[in-house]
Amino acid sequence: MAGMLTRVLTSILFLAVMLSLTGCGDERPDKIAKYQQLTQQRLATLTTMIDDGQLRNANLLKQYTTLLKQQKPDLAPLLDELAKDSGTQGPMYTSLKRRLDESKVASNFADLDQQLAEAENLYQAADPSLFNDMLSDPVNVVADMSDGKLARVNAISREAATLANGGEDFGPGSQLVGNPSYGNWQTDSSGTSFWAWYGMYSMFSNVFNRPISYDRWSGNRGYSYYNDVGRYRYTSPKQADAQNKTFEQTKKRFDSQGKRFDSPYAKPRTGGTALSRESTSTPKASNTTSASKSSSSKFRSNYAKDSSFRNSSNRTTRSVRRGK
């Protein structure tokens, strides 16, 4: 009798433990899958809006590059490359698709928290309003290349921005420096990091600028949407790791010389105007400097504490025409 009672009690205890574990099950995999599904839907909507000419800055980029090619035909190869961002073949759009595919492979992340944060960030980055604002950088690059003949969007003038931030004018194309869709930081044998453009974007160095060093750029960079607003959403955990590695290497070199070195994102630059509500509600770049300090770090999201999913159709079915 005692043995039977023991077995019954053991069974009850086992059932209670199993029920407890079920009730406290990990919801993160389901959240990740849900965000991935919603992001896929948003990307489909974003594609339609781009193809239908509903993104104002995409339209401007196409118009600007066409006009400037007529004025400066020697820049046609570079302008054709920049024009790709007005469609679905540009680096900003293809980066979102690539990151979405990578987000589905758990081994790409340190843990579920990092994978969930990336899924949430991608969901926000695919918002047409945010993406439209993100395109203000290449639009303004072309505007600067026109010597003032084409107007900037979502930003104050080049001269006013330089004056307001007390920085250095690194020339046309500087809005794209630091954005991993257009290049990366490479370190030479002396430990100094320089910006290396991808492919045709290297014409920026050949035509306009001398090489841009990381330490000089960090303290003197101007405003750009990516670096001061959008970096949080448009940077993958792997890219954030690379950015932080460059910062740590440079800081270590300065420390050895008894000098101080601050992150390029420690002080946000001013210069953005008429940004969408979605952009103004995202974290500032300075809040994400330490988002990824090692391969095991968590790439946080400001939505990490929010378990709800926003309706992906409430903002993406309308035309995005902000930025004047």
Protein backbone atom coordinates (compact mmCIF):
# COMPACT_ATOMS: atom_id res chain seq x y z
CA MET A 1 0.00 0.00 0.00
CA ALA A 2 2.81 2.35 0.93
CA GLY A 3 4.56 1.57 -2.36
CA MET A 4 1.42 2.32 -4.35
CA LEU A 5 0.95 5.61 -2.49
CA THR A 6 4.55 6.56 -3.23
CA ARG A 7 4.08 5.85 -6.93
CA VAL A 8 0.87 7.92 -7.01
CA LEU A 9 2.55 10.83 -5.26
CA THR A 10 5.53 10.58 -7.62
CA SER A 11 3.21 10.61 -10.63
CA ILE A 12 1.34 13.64 -9.30
CA LEU A 13 4.61 15.46 -8.64
CA PHE A 14 5.88 14.65 -12.12
CA LEU A 15 2.63 15.88 -13.68
CA ALA A 16 2.79 19.09 -11.65
CA VAL A 17 6.34 19.75 -12.78
CA MET A 18 5.44 19.13 -16.42
CA LEU A 19 2.42 21.44 -16.19
CA SER A 20 4.60 24.09 -14.57
CA LEU A 21 7.16 23.83 -17.32
CA THR A 22 4.44 24.02 -19.95
CA GLY A 23 2.92 27.10 -18.33
CA CYS A 24 6.32 28.79 -18.23
CA GLY A 25 7.35 27.76 -21.74
CA ASP A 26 9.77 29.91 -23.71
CA GLU A 27 7.77 32.25 -25.93
CA ARG A 28 10.78 33.63 -27.79
CA PRO A 29 10.80 31.14 -30.68
CA ASP A 30 7.15 31.91 -31.41
CA LYS A 31 7.83 35.65 -31.24
CA ILE A 32 10.78 35.31 -33.58
CA ALA A 33 8.70 33.36 -36.09
CA LYS A 34 5.87 35.89 -35.85
CA TYR A 35 8.16 38.88 -36.42
CA GLN A 36 9.75 37.11 -39.37
CA GLN A 37 6.34 36.50 -40.88
CA LEU A 38 5.31 40.14 -40.38
CA THR A 39 8.62 41.38 -41.79
CA GLN A 40 8.09 39.24 -44.89
CA GLN A 41 4.69 40.87 -45.32
CA ARG A 42 6.14 44.34 -44.84
CA LEU A 43 8.86 43.69 -47.39
CA ALA A 44 6.20 42.63 -49.89
CA THR A 45 4.30 45.86 -49.21
CA LEU A 46 7.51 47.89 -49.42
CA THR A 47 8.33 46.29 -52.77
CA THR A 48 4.90 47.20 -54.14
CA MET A 49 5.18 50.78 -52.91
CA ILE A 50 8.63 51.20 -54.47
CA ASP A 51 7.48 49.70 -57.77
CA ASP A 52 4.37 51.87 -57.78
CA GLY A 53 6.31 55.07 -57.08
CA GLN A 54 4.81 55.62 -53.62
CA LEU A 55 8.10 56.33 -51.81
CA ARG A 56 8.95 60.01 -52.24
CA ASN A 57 12.67 59.73 -51.60
CA ALA A 58 13.01 56.76 -53.93
CA ASN A 59 11.37 58.83 -56.66
CA LEU A 60 13.64 61.79 -55.92
CA LEU A 61 16.74 59.61 -56.03
CA LYS A 62 15.78 58.33 -59.46
CA GLN A 63 15.05 61.86 -60.70
CA TYR A 64 18.19 63.37 -59.16
CA THR A 65 20.56 60.79 -60.61
CA THR A 66 18.99 61.14 -64.07
CA LEU A 67 19.34 64.94 -63.99
CA LEU A 68 22.90 64.90 -62.67
CA LYS A 69 24.07 62.40 -65.28
CA GLN A 70 23.09 64.94 -67.92
CA GLN A 71 25.13 67.64 -66.18
CA LYS A 72 28.10 65.44 -65.22
CA PRO A 73 28.26 62.45 -67.55
CA ASP A 74 31.70 61.48 -66.20
CA LEU A 75 29.96 60.51 -62.96
CA ALA A 76 27.43 58.25 -64.68
CA PRO A 77 28.83 54.93 -63.32
CA LEU A 78 28.68 56.19 -59.73
CA LEU A 79 25.25 57.75 -60.21
CA ASP A 80 23.90 54.55 -61.74
CA GLU A 81 25.10 52.70 -58.65
CA LEU A 82 23.45 55.21 -56.32
CA ALA A 83 20.23 55.03 -58.35
CA LYS A 84 19.88 51.36 -57.46
CA ASP A 85 18.63 52.44 -54.02
CA SER A 86 15.54 53.87 -55.75
CA GLY A 87 14.47 50.30 -56.53
CA THR A 88 14.77 46.85 -55.02
CA GLN A 89 18.30 46.14 -56.28
CA GLY A 90 20.03 48.69 -54.05
CA PRO A 91 22.14 47.79 -51.01
CA MET A 92 19.64 49.09 -48.45
CA TYR A 93 16.76 46.92 -49.68
CA THR A 94 18.85 43.82 -50.42
CA SER A 95 20.41 44.12 -46.96
CA LEU A 96 16.97 43.75 -45.38
CA LYS A 97 16.23 40.63 -47.43
CA ARG A 98 19.60 39.12 -46.59
CA ARG A 99 19.23 39.85 -42.89
CA LEU A 100 15.75 38.32 -42.87
CA ASP A 101 17.14 35.10 -44.35
CA GLU A 102 20.00 35.11 -41.84
CA SER A 103 17.61 35.77 -38.95
CA LYS A 104 16.02 32.37 -39.55
CA VAL A 105 19.28 30.52 -38.77
CA ALA A 106 19.68 30.23 -35.01
CA SER A 107 23.42 29.51 -35.25
CA ASN A 108 23.97 33.07 -36.54
CA PHE A 109 23.18 34.41 -33.07
CA ALA A 110 24.65 34.16 -29.61
CA ASP A 111 21.28 33.26 -28.10
CA LEU A 112 17.53 33.62 -28.52
CA ASP A 113 17.54 37.14 -27.08
CA GLN A 114 19.86 38.36 -29.83
CA GLN A 115 17.86 36.54 -32.50
CA LEU A 116 14.60 38.04 -31.21
CA ALA A 117 16.08 41.55 -31.09
CA GLU A 118 17.22 41.22 -34.70
CA ALA A 119 13.77 39.99 -35.75
CA GLU A 120 12.16 43.00 -34.05
CA ASN A 121 14.63 45.46 -35.56
CA LEU A 122 14.05 44.05 -39.04
CA TYR A 123 10.31 44.40 -38.61
CA GLN A 124 10.78 48.10 -37.85
CA ALA A 125 13.40 48.65 -40.58
CA ALA A 126 11.00 47.32 -43.22
CA ASP A 127 8.44 50.00 -42.33
CA PRO A 128 8.03 52.12 -45.50
CA SER A 129 8.16 55.36 -43.50
CA LEU A 130 11.50 54.43 -41.95
CA PHE A 131 12.85 53.14 -45.25
CA ASN A 132 11.80 56.33 -47.01
CA ASP A 133 13.71 58.36 -44.43
CA MET A 134 16.72 56.06 -44.79
CA LEU A 135 16.87 56.89 -48.49
CA SER A 136 17.39 60.56 -47.63
CA ASP A 137 21.12 59.82 -47.28
CA PRO A 138 21.75 58.74 -50.91
CA VAL A 139 19.38 61.47 -52.11
CA ASN A 140 21.42 64.09 -50.24
CA VAL A 141 24.67 62.62 -51.53
CA VAL A 142 23.47 63.26 -55.09
CA ALA A 143 22.21 66.71 -54.08
CA ASP A 144 25.67 67.59 -52.74
CA MET A 145 27.29 66.30 -55.93
CA SER A 146 25.15 68.78 -57.89
CA ASP A 147 26.94 71.73 -56.26
CA GLY A 148 23.70 72.97 -54.74
CA LYS A 149 21.54 72.76 -57.86
CA LEU A 150 19.46 69.96 -56.34
CA ALA A 151 17.85 70.43 -52.92
CA ARG A 152 18.56 68.27 -49.92
CA VAL A 153 15.68 66.41 -48.24
CA ASN A 154 15.05 65.64 -44.56
CA ALA A 155 18.19 67.59 -43.66
CA ILE A 156 19.52 71.13 -43.35
CA SER A 157 22.01 72.43 -45.90
CA ARG A 158 25.53 71.09 -46.12
CA GLU A 159 27.02 74.39 -44.97
CA ALA A 160 24.58 74.76 -42.07
CA ALA A 161 25.20 71.19 -40.91
CA THR A 162 28.97 71.69 -40.89
CA LEU A 163 28.59 74.92 -38.93
CA ALA A 164 26.04 73.50 -36.48
CA ASN A 165 28.12 70.45 -35.63
CA GLY A 166 31.52 72.10 -35.71
CA GLY A 167 32.73 69.23 -37.84
CA GLU A 168 34.66 68.76 -41.04
CA ASP A 169 33.23 68.65 -44.53
CA PHE A 170 34.44 65.32 -45.87
CA GLY A 171 32.90 66.04 -49.26
CA PRO A 172 30.06 64.45 -51.24
CA GLY A 173 29.34 60.90 -50.19
CA SER A 174 30.17 61.50 -46.54
CA GLN A 175 26.61 60.63 -45.47
CA LEU A 176 27.31 57.03 -46.49
CA VAL A 177 30.56 56.68 -44.52
CA GLY A 178 30.00 54.29 -41.61
CA ASN A 179 27.02 52.61 -43.31
CA PRO A 180 27.96 48.93 -43.84
CA SER A 181 25.80 48.74 -46.96
CA TYR A 182 28.31 50.93 -48.83
CA GLY A 183 31.70 50.02 -47.34
CA ASN A 184 33.56 49.03 -44.19
CA TRP A 185 36.39 50.07 -41.92
CA GLN A 186 39.71 48.43 -42.71
CA THR A 187 42.78 48.62 -40.47
CA ASP A 188 46.31 48.97 -41.84
CA SER A 189 49.58 47.70 -40.35
CA SER A 190 49.94 50.84 -38.22
CA GLY A 191 46.59 50.20 -36.52
CA THR A 192 44.84 53.09 -38.27
CA SER A 193 41.41 52.35 -39.75
CA PHE A 194 40.24 53.84 -43.05
CA TRP A 195 36.90 53.72 -44.81
CA ALA A 196 36.95 51.34 -47.79
CA TRP A 197 34.10 51.75 -50.28
CA TYR A 198 32.46 48.77 -51.97
CA GLY A 199 32.70 48.46 -55.74
CA MET A 200 31.71 51.50 -57.76
CA TYR A 201 31.32 53.62 -54.61
CA SER A 202 35.13 53.81 -54.56
CA MET A 203 34.71 56.62 -57.08
CA PHE A 204 33.97 58.84 -54.09
CA SER A 205 37.61 58.48 -53.05
CA ASN A 206 38.93 58.81 -56.58
CA VAL A 207 36.88 61.87 -57.51
CA PHE A 208 36.13 63.78 -54.32
CA ASN A 209 38.06 62.75 -51.23
CA ARG A 210 41.31 61.62 -49.79
CA PRO A 211 41.03 58.46 -47.65
CA ILE A 212 38.88 59.02 -44.57
CA SER A 213 40.43 57.77 -41.35
CA TYR A 214 38.21 56.46 -38.59
CA ASP A 215 39.72 58.59 -35.85
CA ARG A 216 39.42 61.83 -37.82
CA TRP A 217 35.89 60.99 -38.99
CA SER A 218 34.76 60.00 -35.49
CA GLY A 219 35.39 63.40 -34.00
CA ASN A 220 34.43 65.50 -37.01
CA ARG A 221 31.70 63.69 -38.90
CA GLY A 222 28.58 65.49 -40.00
CA TYR A 223 24.94 64.50 -39.72
CA SER A 224 23.49 61.57 -41.64
CA TYR A 225 20.27 59.66 -41.19
CA TYR A 226 22.03 56.32 -40.83
CA ASN A 227 24.60 57.40 -38.25
CA ASP A 228 22.31 59.59 -36.15
CA VAL A 229 18.87 58.00 -36.45
CA GLY A 230 18.68 54.77 -38.40
CA ARG A 231 21.81 52.87 -37.36
CA TYR A 232 19.90 51.01 -34.66
CA ARG A 233 17.53 49.42 -37.17
CA TYR A 234 19.72 49.15 -40.25
CA THR A 235 22.67 47.34 -38.68
CA SER A 236 22.86 43.58 -38.16
CA PRO A 237 24.45 42.11 -35.01
CA LYS A 238 27.48 41.01 -37.06
CA GLN A 239 27.88 44.51 -38.49
CA ALA A 240 27.51 46.00 -35.01
CA ASP A 241 30.28 43.70 -33.80
CA ALA A 242 32.56 44.94 -36.59
CA GLN A 243 31.80 48.58 -35.77
CA ASN A 244 32.52 48.06 -32.11
CA LYS A 245 35.76 46.19 -32.89
CA THR A 246 37.00 49.17 -34.90
CA PHE A 247 36.13 51.48 -32.02
CA GLU A 248 37.87 49.28 -29.42
CA GLN A 249 41.02 48.97 -31.54
CA THR A 250 41.20 52.71 -32.09
CA LYS A 251 40.51 53.50 -28.44
CA LYS A 252 43.24 51.08 -27.37
CA ARG A 253 45.73 52.80 -29.71
CA PHE A 254 44.81 56.21 -28.33
CA ASP A 255 44.98 54.95 -24.73
CA SER A 256 48.53 53.71 -25.34
CA GLN A 257 49.43 57.27 -26.37
CA GLY A 258 47.77 58.76 -23.32
CA LYS A 259 45.03 60.30 -25.44
CA ARG A 260 41.27 60.17 -25.14
CA PHE A 261 39.12 58.71 -27.89
CA ASP A 262 35.32 58.84 -27.94
CA SER A 263 32.96 56.78 -30.05
CA PRO A 264 31.74 58.49 -33.23
CA TYR A 265 28.24 57.99 -31.84
CA ALA A 266 28.90 59.41 -28.37
CA LYS A 267 27.65 62.79 -29.56
CA PRO A 268 24.70 62.72 -31.97
CA ARG A 269 24.88 65.33 -34.72
CA THR A 270 22.04 67.68 -35.53
CA GLY A 271 20.69 68.26 -39.00
CA GLY A 272 17.64 66.10 -39.61
CA THR A 273 14.38 67.79 -40.56
CA ALA A 274 10.83 66.67 -41.34
CA LEU A 275 11.48 63.06 -40.39
CA SER A 276 8.56 60.67 -40.02
CA ARG A 277 7.03 59.94 -36.63
CA GLU A 278 8.39 56.42 -36.94
CA SER A 279 11.94 57.74 -37.25
CA THR A 280 11.69 60.20 -34.39
CA SER A 281 10.48 57.45 -32.06
CA THR A 282 13.45 55.12 -32.71
CA PRO A 283 16.49 55.03 -30.40
CA LYS A 284 19.30 57.45 -31.10
CA ALA A 285 22.54 56.08 -32.46
CA SER A 286 24.39 57.13 -29.31
CA ASN A 287 22.27 54.67 -27.32
CA THR A 288 23.51 51.76 -29.39
CA THR A 289 27.27 52.29 -29.19
CA SER A 290 27.72 49.32 -26.89
CA ALA A 291 24.96 47.24 -28.39
CA SER A 292 27.42 44.57 -29.40
CA LYS A 293 30.71 44.29 -27.53
CA SER A 294 31.51 40.69 -28.39
CA SER A 295 30.17 37.73 -30.32
CA SER A 296 28.23 36.71 -27.22
CA SER A 297 26.63 40.10 -26.59
CA LYS A 298 22.96 40.85 -27.08
CA PHE A 299 21.89 43.24 -29.82
CA ARG A 300 19.20 44.97 -27.85
CA SER A 301 15.98 46.41 -29.16
CA ASN A 302 13.86 49.07 -27.57
CA TYR A 303 10.92 46.77 -28.25
CA ALA A 304 12.48 43.94 -26.20
CA LYS A 305 10.07 44.58 -23.34
CA ASP A 306 7.05 44.76 -25.60
CA SER A 307 5.59 41.35 -26.31
CA SER A 308 2.84 42.68 -28.56
CA PHE A 309 3.01 42.79 -32.34
CA ARG A 310 2.03 45.96 -34.13
CA ASN A 311 -0.45 45.82 -36.95
CA SER A 312 1.72 45.72 -40.05
CA SER A 313 -1.00 47.18 -42.26
CA ASN A 314 -1.89 50.32 -40.35
CA ARG A 315 0.91 52.40 -41.87
CA THR A 316 2.20 50.51 -44.87
CA THR A 317 -0.74 50.82 -47.25
CA ARG A 318 -0.46 54.56 -47.67
CA SER A 319 1.92 56.60 -49.77
CA VAL A 320 5.02 57.90 -48.02
CA ARG A 321 5.59 61.45 -49.18
CA ARG A 322 7.29 63.20 -46.28
CA GLY A 323 10.56 65.05 -46.34
CA LYS A 324 10.08 68.52 -47.77
